[in-house]
Amino acid sequence: ENMPSPMFRTIRLFAGTQEIGQIKARLKVISPIDKKWLKKADAKDVDKIFFTEKLLRKLFKIDQPKQLRVRTYVIRGLNVSGARSGVGNPYLYFAYGAETVRLNGQRQLQAIEPRYFCTEERDVSLPEQGQLEVGLFDHQVTGQDALIGRTLVDLEDRFYTGRYRKYVQRR
C-alpha cells in the first residue's frame, strides 16, 4: 500500500467477546519521563498539535469541512467466485456509515472477472460516515442475494494524512 501511516490508531472496543465500537487515538510513550518534552518540541512537530488541546481542537474540529466528496472508481473484479459456489452474478455495493448503495442494476451475469467501469460518488460527513465499505453481492434468481465479500476503507485515515493535506493546500 502506498498510503502513509495513519495519524490515529483505531482501537476496537469490546464488551466480552462482542465488538461494540471503536475509538481513534494517538499514543506516545516517553521514557525516561520528561515532563517538559512538549515545550521542547518544534512548532511544526505533529506531536505539538496532538498533545496541545487548543491546536488539536482547531485542526480536527474547527478547520474540518462539514462534508467531503468521496469518489470511487471501480474498473473490474479479478477471480471473483459466487457466494455459494462456482460462477456468480456479482454486483457492487457501497456503505457510507449507515447509508448503503447497491448497484444491483449493474450485475454481471455468470462472471468470474466482472467489468464494471463505474464511478460512485457521495458527499459524506466525518466521523459519522468515516468508514467506507465496498463489497460484492451475488444476485440470486430465487431468494436473498448473498454476500461474496467486502472490505473497509477508513476515510479519516486518508483525509488526515500529511500528503492529502498538502495536496488540498496546493489547490
N, C-alpha and C. Protein backbone atom coordinates (compact mmCIF):
# COMPACT_ATOMS: atom_id res chain seq x y z
N GLU A 1 0.85 -1.18 0.00
CA GLU A 1 0.00 0.00 0.00
C GLU A 1 0.88 1.23 0.00
N ASN A 2 0.45 2.26 -0.72
CA ASN A 2 1.25 3.47 -0.82
C ASN A 2 0.77 4.59 0.09
N MET A 3 -0.17 4.31 0.97
CA MET A 3 -0.64 5.32 1.92
C MET A 3 0.32 5.37 3.11
N PRO A 4 0.63 6.60 3.57
CA PRO A 4 1.47 6.70 4.76
C PRO A 4 0.72 6.21 6.00
N SER A 5 1.44 6.02 7.06
CA SER A 5 0.83 5.57 8.31
C SER A 5 -0.25 6.56 8.74
N PRO A 6 -1.35 6.05 9.27
CA PRO A 6 -2.42 6.96 9.71
C PRO A 6 -2.00 7.77 10.93
N MET A 7 -2.62 8.94 11.08
CA MET A 7 -2.32 9.82 12.21
C MET A 7 -2.85 9.24 13.52
N PHE A 8 -3.95 8.49 13.42
CA PHE A 8 -4.57 7.90 14.60
C PHE A 8 -4.52 6.38 14.49
N ARG A 9 -4.52 5.76 15.62
CA ARG A 9 -4.64 4.31 15.66
C ARG A 9 -6.09 3.97 15.98
N THR A 10 -6.66 3.02 15.25
CA THR A 10 -8.02 2.58 15.51
C THR A 10 -7.96 1.47 16.55
N ILE A 11 -8.66 1.69 17.65
CA ILE A 11 -8.66 0.74 18.76
C ILE A 11 -10.08 0.21 18.91
N ARG A 12 -10.23 -1.10 18.75
CA ARG A 12 -11.55 -1.72 18.85
C ARG A 12 -11.95 -1.86 20.31
N LEU A 13 -13.26 -1.64 20.58
CA LEU A 13 -13.80 -1.76 21.94
C LEU A 13 -14.67 -3.01 22.02
N PHE A 14 -14.55 -3.75 23.12
CA PHE A 14 -15.28 -5.00 23.29
C PHE A 14 -16.07 -4.99 24.60
N ALA A 15 -17.22 -5.65 24.57
CA ALA A 15 -17.97 -6.00 25.77
C ALA A 15 -17.96 -7.52 25.78
N GLY A 16 -17.07 -8.10 26.55
CA GLY A 16 -16.87 -9.54 26.48
C GLY A 16 -16.18 -9.86 25.16
N THR A 17 -16.81 -10.70 24.35
CA THR A 17 -16.23 -11.05 23.04
C THR A 17 -16.87 -10.26 21.90
N GLN A 18 -17.89 -9.48 22.19
CA GLN A 18 -18.60 -8.74 21.15
C GLN A 18 -17.99 -7.35 20.96
N GLU A 19 -17.64 -7.03 19.70
CA GLU A 19 -17.12 -5.70 19.41
C GLU A 19 -18.28 -4.72 19.45
N ILE A 20 -18.11 -3.64 20.22
CA ILE A 20 -19.19 -2.66 20.38
C ILE A 20 -18.86 -1.31 19.78
N GLY A 21 -17.69 -1.14 19.25
CA GLY A 21 -17.32 0.14 18.64
C GLY A 21 -15.82 0.28 18.52
N GLN A 22 -15.42 1.50 18.21
CA GLN A 22 -14.01 1.81 18.03
C GLN A 22 -13.75 3.22 18.55
N ILE A 23 -12.51 3.47 18.91
CA ILE A 23 -12.05 4.83 19.17
C ILE A 23 -10.81 5.05 18.33
N LYS A 24 -10.55 6.30 18.02
CA LYS A 24 -9.32 6.66 17.32
C LYS A 24 -8.47 7.41 18.33
N ALA A 25 -7.21 7.04 18.43
CA ALA A 25 -6.33 7.66 19.42
C ALA A 25 -4.91 7.75 18.87
N ARG A 26 -4.18 8.64 19.42
CA ARG A 26 -2.75 8.74 19.14
C ARG A 26 -2.05 8.58 20.48
N LEU A 27 -1.10 7.68 20.53
CA LEU A 27 -0.41 7.37 21.77
C LEU A 27 1.05 7.74 21.66
N LYS A 28 1.62 8.14 22.77
CA LYS A 28 3.05 8.43 22.81
C LYS A 28 3.57 7.95 24.15
N VAL A 29 4.61 7.16 24.11
CA VAL A 29 5.26 6.67 25.33
C VAL A 29 6.62 7.34 25.42
N ILE A 30 6.89 7.96 26.54
CA ILE A 30 8.16 8.68 26.72
C ILE A 30 8.91 8.04 27.89
N SER A 31 10.12 7.60 27.58
CA SER A 31 10.95 7.01 28.62
C SER A 31 12.38 7.46 28.37
N PRO A 32 13.06 7.96 29.33
CA PRO A 32 12.62 8.22 30.69
C PRO A 32 11.63 9.38 30.72
N ILE A 33 10.93 9.51 31.83
CA ILE A 33 9.90 10.54 31.98
C ILE A 33 10.52 11.92 31.83
N ASP A 34 9.92 12.73 30.94
CA ASP A 34 10.37 14.10 30.71
C ASP A 34 9.13 14.97 30.65
N LYS A 35 8.81 15.65 31.73
CA LYS A 35 7.59 16.43 31.80
C LYS A 35 7.63 17.67 30.90
N LYS A 36 8.79 18.03 30.40
CA LYS A 36 8.92 19.23 29.56
C LYS A 36 9.09 18.88 28.08
N TRP A 37 8.81 17.62 27.69
CA TRP A 37 9.04 17.21 26.30
C TRP A 37 8.22 18.02 25.32
N LEU A 38 7.01 18.40 25.70
CA LEU A 38 6.14 19.13 24.77
C LEU A 38 6.67 20.54 24.52
N LYS A 39 7.21 21.17 25.55
CA LYS A 39 7.78 22.51 25.39
C LYS A 39 9.01 22.49 24.49
N LYS A 40 9.71 21.37 24.48
CA LYS A 40 10.92 21.24 23.66
C LYS A 40 10.60 20.92 22.20
N ALA A 41 9.38 20.45 21.94
CA ALA A 41 9.01 20.04 20.58
C ALA A 41 8.96 21.24 19.65
N ASP A 42 9.37 21.03 18.41
CA ASP A 42 9.33 22.05 17.38
C ASP A 42 7.87 22.43 17.09
N ALA A 43 7.64 23.67 16.74
CA ALA A 43 6.26 24.15 16.49
C ALA A 43 5.58 23.38 15.37
N LYS A 44 6.34 22.86 14.40
CA LYS A 44 5.76 22.12 13.28
C LYS A 44 5.65 20.62 13.56
N ASP A 45 6.16 20.20 14.71
CA ASP A 45 6.11 18.78 15.09
C ASP A 45 4.66 18.38 15.28
N VAL A 46 4.27 17.27 14.67
CA VAL A 46 2.88 16.81 14.75
C VAL A 46 2.48 16.50 16.19
N ASP A 47 3.42 16.09 17.03
CA ASP A 47 3.10 15.84 18.44
C ASP A 47 2.69 17.12 19.15
N LYS A 48 3.23 18.24 18.73
CA LYS A 48 2.86 19.53 19.33
C LYS A 48 1.36 19.77 19.11
N ILE A 49 0.86 19.42 17.95
CA ILE A 49 -0.57 19.58 17.65
C ILE A 49 -1.40 18.58 18.45
N PHE A 50 -0.99 17.33 18.44
CA PHE A 50 -1.80 16.28 19.07
C PHE A 50 -1.88 16.39 20.58
N PHE A 51 -0.86 16.92 21.20
CA PHE A 51 -0.86 16.95 22.65
C PHE A 51 -1.02 18.37 23.21
N THR A 52 -1.50 19.29 22.37
CA THR A 52 -1.91 20.62 22.80
C THR A 52 -3.38 20.74 22.44
N GLU A 53 -4.23 20.71 23.42
CA GLU A 53 -5.68 20.59 23.19
C GLU A 53 -6.22 21.68 22.26
N LYS A 54 -5.77 22.91 22.42
CA LYS A 54 -6.28 24.01 21.59
C LYS A 54 -5.94 23.78 20.11
N LEU A 55 -4.71 23.37 19.82
CA LEU A 55 -4.29 23.11 18.44
C LEU A 55 -5.02 21.90 17.86
N LEU A 56 -5.18 20.86 18.69
CA LEU A 56 -5.88 19.65 18.26
C LEU A 56 -7.34 19.97 17.89
N ARG A 57 -8.00 20.71 18.75
CA ARG A 57 -9.40 21.09 18.51
C ARG A 57 -9.53 21.92 17.23
N LYS A 58 -8.60 22.84 17.01
CA LYS A 58 -8.64 23.67 15.80
C LYS A 58 -8.51 22.81 14.54
N LEU A 59 -7.54 21.92 14.53
CA LEU A 59 -7.29 21.10 13.34
C LEU A 59 -8.41 20.12 13.05
N PHE A 60 -8.92 19.45 14.07
CA PHE A 60 -9.86 18.35 13.84
C PHE A 60 -11.31 18.70 14.10
N LYS A 61 -11.59 19.88 14.59
CA LYS A 61 -12.99 20.25 14.82
C LYS A 61 -13.35 21.53 14.08
N ILE A 62 -12.59 22.57 14.30
CA ILE A 62 -12.91 23.87 13.71
C ILE A 62 -12.56 23.91 12.23
N ASP A 63 -11.36 23.44 11.86
CA ASP A 63 -10.91 23.52 10.46
C ASP A 63 -11.40 22.38 9.59
N GLN A 64 -12.19 21.49 10.12
CA GLN A 64 -12.68 20.35 9.35
C GLN A 64 -13.90 20.75 8.53
N PRO A 65 -13.93 20.43 7.24
CA PRO A 65 -15.12 20.76 6.44
C PRO A 65 -16.32 19.95 6.91
N LYS A 66 -17.52 20.49 6.69
CA LYS A 66 -18.74 19.81 7.11
C LYS A 66 -18.96 18.53 6.30
N GLN A 67 -18.64 18.58 5.01
CA GLN A 67 -18.80 17.40 4.17
C GLN A 67 -17.61 17.25 3.24
N LEU A 68 -17.37 16.01 2.85
CA LEU A 68 -16.31 15.68 1.89
C LEU A 68 -16.95 14.93 0.73
N ARG A 69 -16.42 15.09 -0.44
CA ARG A 69 -16.87 14.33 -1.60
C ARG A 69 -15.97 13.11 -1.73
N VAL A 70 -16.58 11.92 -1.74
CA VAL A 70 -15.84 10.67 -1.93
C VAL A 70 -16.21 10.13 -3.30
N ARG A 71 -15.21 9.95 -4.13
CA ARG A 71 -15.43 9.43 -5.48
C ARG A 71 -14.65 8.13 -5.59
N THR A 72 -15.36 7.05 -5.92
CA THR A 72 -14.75 5.74 -6.03
C THR A 72 -14.88 5.25 -7.47
N TYR A 73 -13.77 4.87 -8.07
CA TYR A 73 -13.76 4.32 -9.42
C TYR A 73 -13.54 2.82 -9.32
N VAL A 74 -14.42 2.05 -9.91
CA VAL A 74 -14.25 0.59 -9.91
C VAL A 74 -14.14 0.15 -11.36
N ILE A 75 -13.04 -0.49 -11.67
CA ILE A 75 -12.80 -0.95 -13.03
C ILE A 75 -13.36 -2.35 -13.22
N ARG A 76 -12.84 -3.31 -12.44
CA ARG A 76 -13.28 -4.69 -12.61
C ARG A 76 -12.94 -5.52 -11.39
N GLY A 77 -13.50 -6.70 -11.35
CA GLY A 77 -13.16 -7.67 -10.33
C GLY A 77 -12.22 -8.71 -10.91
N LEU A 78 -11.40 -9.28 -10.07
CA LEU A 78 -10.45 -10.30 -10.53
C LEU A 78 -10.69 -11.59 -9.77
N ASN A 79 -10.92 -12.67 -10.49
CA ASN A 79 -11.07 -14.00 -9.91
C ASN A 79 -12.16 -14.04 -8.83
N VAL A 80 -13.32 -13.54 -9.19
CA VAL A 80 -14.46 -13.47 -8.25
C VAL A 80 -15.30 -14.73 -8.40
N SER A 81 -15.48 -15.42 -7.29
CA SER A 81 -16.33 -16.61 -7.33
C SER A 81 -17.71 -16.24 -6.79
N GLY A 82 -18.66 -17.12 -7.02
CA GLY A 82 -20.00 -16.90 -6.49
C GLY A 82 -20.00 -17.06 -4.98
N ALA A 83 -21.02 -16.53 -4.34
CA ALA A 83 -21.09 -16.59 -2.87
C ALA A 83 -21.29 -18.02 -2.39
N ARG A 84 -22.03 -18.81 -3.14
CA ARG A 84 -22.33 -20.18 -2.69
C ARG A 84 -21.44 -21.21 -3.37
N SER A 85 -21.18 -21.03 -4.66
CA SER A 85 -20.27 -21.94 -5.37
C SER A 85 -20.09 -21.46 -6.81
N GLY A 86 -18.96 -21.82 -7.38
CA GLY A 86 -18.70 -21.58 -8.80
C GLY A 86 -18.82 -20.13 -9.23
N VAL A 87 -19.38 -19.97 -10.42
CA VAL A 87 -19.51 -18.65 -11.04
C VAL A 87 -20.76 -17.97 -10.50
N GLY A 88 -20.65 -16.68 -10.22
CA GLY A 88 -21.79 -15.95 -9.67
C GLY A 88 -22.28 -14.85 -10.58
N ASN A 89 -23.18 -14.05 -10.05
CA ASN A 89 -23.76 -12.89 -10.73
C ASN A 89 -23.45 -11.66 -9.86
N PRO A 90 -22.18 -11.23 -9.81
CA PRO A 90 -21.78 -10.21 -8.84
C PRO A 90 -22.23 -8.79 -9.19
N TYR A 91 -22.57 -8.05 -8.15
CA TYR A 91 -22.80 -6.61 -8.29
C TYR A 91 -22.22 -5.91 -7.06
N LEU A 92 -21.88 -4.64 -7.26
CA LEU A 92 -21.21 -3.84 -6.23
C LEU A 92 -22.19 -3.25 -5.23
N TYR A 93 -21.68 -3.01 -4.03
CA TYR A 93 -22.39 -2.17 -3.07
C TYR A 93 -21.37 -1.33 -2.33
N PHE A 94 -21.85 -0.19 -1.85
CA PHE A 94 -21.04 0.75 -1.08
C PHE A 94 -21.83 1.11 0.17
N ALA A 95 -21.18 1.15 1.31
CA ALA A 95 -21.84 1.59 2.54
C ALA A 95 -21.00 2.71 3.14
N TYR A 96 -21.66 3.84 3.33
CA TYR A 96 -21.04 5.02 3.94
C TYR A 96 -21.69 5.18 5.31
N GLY A 97 -21.05 4.68 6.35
CA GLY A 97 -21.71 4.69 7.65
C GLY A 97 -22.96 3.82 7.57
N ALA A 98 -24.12 4.38 7.89
CA ALA A 98 -25.38 3.62 7.87
C ALA A 98 -26.06 3.65 6.50
N GLU A 99 -25.56 4.45 5.56
CA GLU A 99 -26.18 4.57 4.23
C GLU A 99 -25.55 3.54 3.27
N THR A 100 -26.39 2.69 2.70
CA THR A 100 -25.91 1.65 1.77
C THR A 100 -26.48 1.90 0.37
N VAL A 101 -25.60 1.74 -0.62
CA VAL A 101 -25.99 1.89 -2.02
C VAL A 101 -25.66 0.59 -2.73
N ARG A 102 -26.68 -0.09 -3.25
CA ARG A 102 -26.48 -1.34 -4.00
C ARG A 102 -26.64 -1.05 -5.49
N LEU A 103 -25.67 -1.45 -6.27
CA LEU A 103 -25.72 -1.25 -7.71
C LEU A 103 -26.16 -2.55 -8.39
N ASN A 104 -27.31 -3.10 -7.95
CA ASN A 104 -27.74 -4.38 -8.50
C ASN A 104 -28.19 -4.27 -9.95
N GLY A 105 -28.42 -3.07 -10.45
CA GLY A 105 -28.72 -2.89 -11.87
C GLY A 105 -27.50 -3.09 -12.75
N GLN A 106 -26.31 -3.13 -12.14
CA GLN A 106 -25.06 -3.33 -12.89
C GLN A 106 -24.48 -4.71 -12.64
N ARG A 107 -25.32 -5.66 -12.30
CA ARG A 107 -24.79 -7.01 -12.03
C ARG A 107 -24.26 -7.62 -13.32
N GLN A 108 -23.25 -8.43 -13.13
CA GLN A 108 -22.60 -9.12 -14.24
C GLN A 108 -23.00 -10.59 -14.16
N LEU A 109 -23.69 -11.09 -15.15
CA LEU A 109 -24.20 -12.46 -15.10
C LEU A 109 -23.10 -13.47 -15.45
N GLN A 110 -22.99 -14.51 -14.62
CA GLN A 110 -22.04 -15.60 -14.82
C GLN A 110 -20.63 -15.06 -15.10
N ALA A 111 -20.14 -14.19 -14.19
CA ALA A 111 -18.86 -13.53 -14.42
C ALA A 111 -17.85 -13.86 -13.32
N ILE A 112 -16.66 -14.28 -13.74
CA ILE A 112 -15.54 -14.50 -12.82
C ILE A 112 -14.69 -13.24 -12.76
N GLU A 113 -14.62 -12.51 -13.86
CA GLU A 113 -13.87 -11.25 -13.91
C GLU A 113 -14.81 -10.15 -14.40
N PRO A 114 -15.73 -9.73 -13.52
CA PRO A 114 -16.72 -8.73 -13.92
C PRO A 114 -16.08 -7.38 -14.25
N ARG A 115 -16.59 -6.74 -15.27
CA ARG A 115 -16.11 -5.42 -15.69
C ARG A 115 -17.19 -4.40 -15.36
N TYR A 116 -16.86 -3.48 -14.46
CA TYR A 116 -17.85 -2.50 -14.01
C TYR A 116 -17.66 -1.13 -14.65
N PHE A 117 -16.44 -0.64 -14.71
CA PHE A 117 -16.16 0.67 -15.27
C PHE A 117 -17.18 1.70 -14.80
N CYS A 118 -17.28 1.85 -13.48
CA CYS A 118 -18.27 2.78 -12.94
C CYS A 118 -17.65 3.69 -11.88
N THR A 119 -18.35 4.76 -11.62
CA THR A 119 -17.96 5.72 -10.60
C THR A 119 -19.10 5.84 -9.60
N GLU A 120 -18.77 5.77 -8.34
CA GLU A 120 -19.74 6.00 -7.27
C GLU A 120 -19.28 7.24 -6.52
N GLU A 121 -20.18 8.18 -6.35
CA GLU A 121 -19.81 9.46 -5.76
C GLU A 121 -20.84 9.86 -4.71
N ARG A 122 -20.36 10.28 -3.53
CA ARG A 122 -21.24 10.68 -2.44
C ARG A 122 -20.58 11.78 -1.62
N ASP A 123 -21.41 12.60 -1.01
CA ASP A 123 -20.94 13.55 0.00
C ASP A 123 -21.09 12.87 1.35
N VAL A 124 -20.02 12.87 2.14
CA VAL A 124 -20.05 12.21 3.44
C VAL A 124 -19.64 13.18 4.52
N SER A 125 -20.05 12.88 5.74
CA SER A 125 -19.69 13.66 6.92
C SER A 125 -18.79 12.81 7.81
N LEU A 126 -17.69 13.41 8.26
CA LEU A 126 -16.81 12.74 9.20
C LEU A 126 -17.15 13.20 10.60
N PRO A 127 -17.14 12.39 11.59
CA PRO A 127 -16.74 10.99 11.61
C PRO A 127 -17.90 10.01 11.35
N GLU A 128 -19.13 10.51 11.22
CA GLU A 128 -20.30 9.64 11.11
C GLU A 128 -20.18 8.63 9.96
N GLN A 129 -19.66 9.07 8.83
CA GLN A 129 -19.53 8.21 7.66
C GLN A 129 -18.06 7.97 7.31
N GLY A 130 -17.24 7.86 8.33
CA GLY A 130 -15.80 7.71 8.15
C GLY A 130 -15.34 6.35 7.67
N GLN A 131 -16.22 5.36 7.72
CA GLN A 131 -15.88 4.02 7.23
C GLN A 131 -16.62 3.77 5.92
N LEU A 132 -15.87 3.56 4.85
CA LEU A 132 -16.47 3.19 3.56
C LEU A 132 -16.32 1.69 3.41
N GLU A 133 -17.43 1.02 3.21
CA GLU A 133 -17.42 -0.43 2.98
C GLU A 133 -17.73 -0.66 1.50
N VAL A 134 -16.87 -1.42 0.84
CA VAL A 134 -17.07 -1.75 -0.58
C VAL A 134 -17.11 -3.26 -0.67
N GLY A 135 -18.08 -3.77 -1.40
CA GLY A 135 -18.19 -5.22 -1.50
C GLY A 135 -18.99 -5.67 -2.69
N LEU A 136 -19.13 -6.98 -2.77
CA LEU A 136 -19.87 -7.62 -3.86
C LEU A 136 -20.95 -8.53 -3.29
N PHE A 137 -22.11 -8.45 -3.88
CA PHE A 137 -23.18 -9.39 -3.62
C PHE A 137 -23.34 -10.28 -4.83
N ASP A 138 -23.82 -11.48 -4.61
CA ASP A 138 -24.11 -12.43 -5.69
C ASP A 138 -25.63 -12.44 -5.87
N HIS A 139 -26.09 -11.98 -7.03
CA HIS A 139 -27.53 -11.94 -7.30
C HIS A 139 -28.08 -13.37 -7.40
N GLN A 140 -29.14 -13.61 -6.65
CA GLN A 140 -29.79 -14.92 -6.66
C GLN A 140 -31.14 -14.77 -7.36
N VAL A 141 -31.44 -15.67 -8.30
CA VAL A 141 -32.71 -15.62 -9.01
C VAL A 141 -33.87 -15.85 -8.04
N THR A 142 -33.68 -16.79 -7.14
CA THR A 142 -34.69 -17.04 -6.11
C THR A 142 -34.03 -16.85 -4.75
N GLY A 143 -34.70 -16.19 -3.86
CA GLY A 143 -34.15 -15.98 -2.52
C GLY A 143 -33.38 -14.67 -2.41
N GLN A 144 -32.72 -14.51 -1.27
CA GLN A 144 -32.00 -13.28 -0.97
C GLN A 144 -30.59 -13.32 -1.55
N ASP A 145 -30.12 -12.17 -2.07
CA ASP A 145 -28.76 -12.08 -2.59
C ASP A 145 -27.76 -12.38 -1.48
N ALA A 146 -26.66 -13.03 -1.85
CA ALA A 146 -25.66 -13.46 -0.86
C ALA A 146 -24.39 -12.61 -0.98
N LEU A 147 -23.80 -12.31 0.15
CA LEU A 147 -22.56 -11.54 0.19
C LEU A 147 -21.40 -12.41 -0.30
N ILE A 148 -20.66 -11.91 -1.27
CA ILE A 148 -19.44 -12.59 -1.75
C ILE A 148 -18.27 -12.18 -0.88
N GLY A 149 -18.10 -10.88 -0.67
CA GLY A 149 -17.00 -10.38 0.14
C GLY A 149 -17.06 -8.87 0.25
N ARG A 150 -16.26 -8.34 1.17
CA ARG A 150 -16.25 -6.90 1.39
C ARG A 150 -14.91 -6.47 1.95
N THR A 151 -14.67 -5.17 1.92
CA THR A 151 -13.50 -4.58 2.55
C THR A 151 -13.89 -3.24 3.13
N LEU A 152 -13.11 -2.75 4.09
CA LEU A 152 -13.36 -1.46 4.71
C LEU A 152 -12.23 -0.50 4.36
N VAL A 153 -12.60 0.74 4.08
CA VAL A 153 -11.64 1.80 3.82
C VAL A 153 -11.90 2.89 4.86
N ASP A 154 -10.89 3.24 5.63
CA ASP A 154 -11.04 4.27 6.64
C ASP A 154 -10.79 5.63 5.98
N LEU A 155 -11.87 6.37 5.75
CA LEU A 155 -11.76 7.65 5.06
C LEU A 155 -11.04 8.69 5.90
N GLU A 156 -11.19 8.63 7.22
CA GLU A 156 -10.49 9.57 8.10
C GLU A 156 -8.98 9.39 7.98
N ASP A 157 -8.52 8.14 7.94
CA ASP A 157 -7.08 7.90 7.80
C ASP A 157 -6.55 8.54 6.53
N ARG A 158 -7.30 8.46 5.46
CA ARG A 158 -6.86 9.05 4.21
C ARG A 158 -6.95 10.57 4.23
N PHE A 159 -8.04 11.09 4.77
CA PHE A 159 -8.25 12.53 4.80
C PHE A 159 -7.19 13.24 5.65
N TYR A 160 -6.80 12.64 6.75
CA TYR A 160 -5.88 13.30 7.67
C TYR A 160 -4.40 13.02 7.41
N THR A 161 -4.05 12.36 6.33
CA THR A 161 -2.64 12.15 6.04
C THR A 161 -2.00 13.48 5.64
N GLY A 162 -0.72 13.61 5.94
CA GLY A 162 0.01 14.82 5.56
C GLY A 162 0.01 15.03 4.06
N ARG A 163 0.12 13.96 3.30
CA ARG A 163 0.17 14.05 1.85
C ARG A 163 -1.14 14.64 1.30
N TYR A 164 -2.26 14.19 1.84
CA TYR A 164 -3.55 14.71 1.38
C TYR A 164 -3.69 16.18 1.76
N ARG A 165 -3.29 16.53 2.98
CA ARG A 165 -3.38 17.92 3.42
C ARG A 165 -2.56 18.85 2.51
N LYS A 166 -1.35 18.43 2.13
CA LYS A 166 -0.52 19.23 1.23
C LYS A 166 -1.18 19.38 -0.14
N TYR A 167 -1.79 18.31 -0.62
CA TYR A 167 -2.48 18.34 -1.90
C TYR A 167 -3.61 19.38 -1.88
N VAL A 168 -4.40 19.38 -0.82
CA VAL A 168 -5.52 20.31 -0.69
C VAL A 168 -5.03 21.74 -0.61
N GLN A 169 -3.93 22.00 0.09
CA GLN A 169 -3.39 23.34 0.23
C GLN A 169 -2.87 23.89 -1.10
N ARG A 170 -2.37 23.02 -1.96
CA ARG A 170 -1.86 23.45 -3.27
C ARG A 170 -2.97 23.87 -4.21
N ARG A 171 -4.18 23.33 -3.99
CA ARG A 171 -5.29 23.63 -4.90
C ARG A 171 -5.85 24.93 -4.56
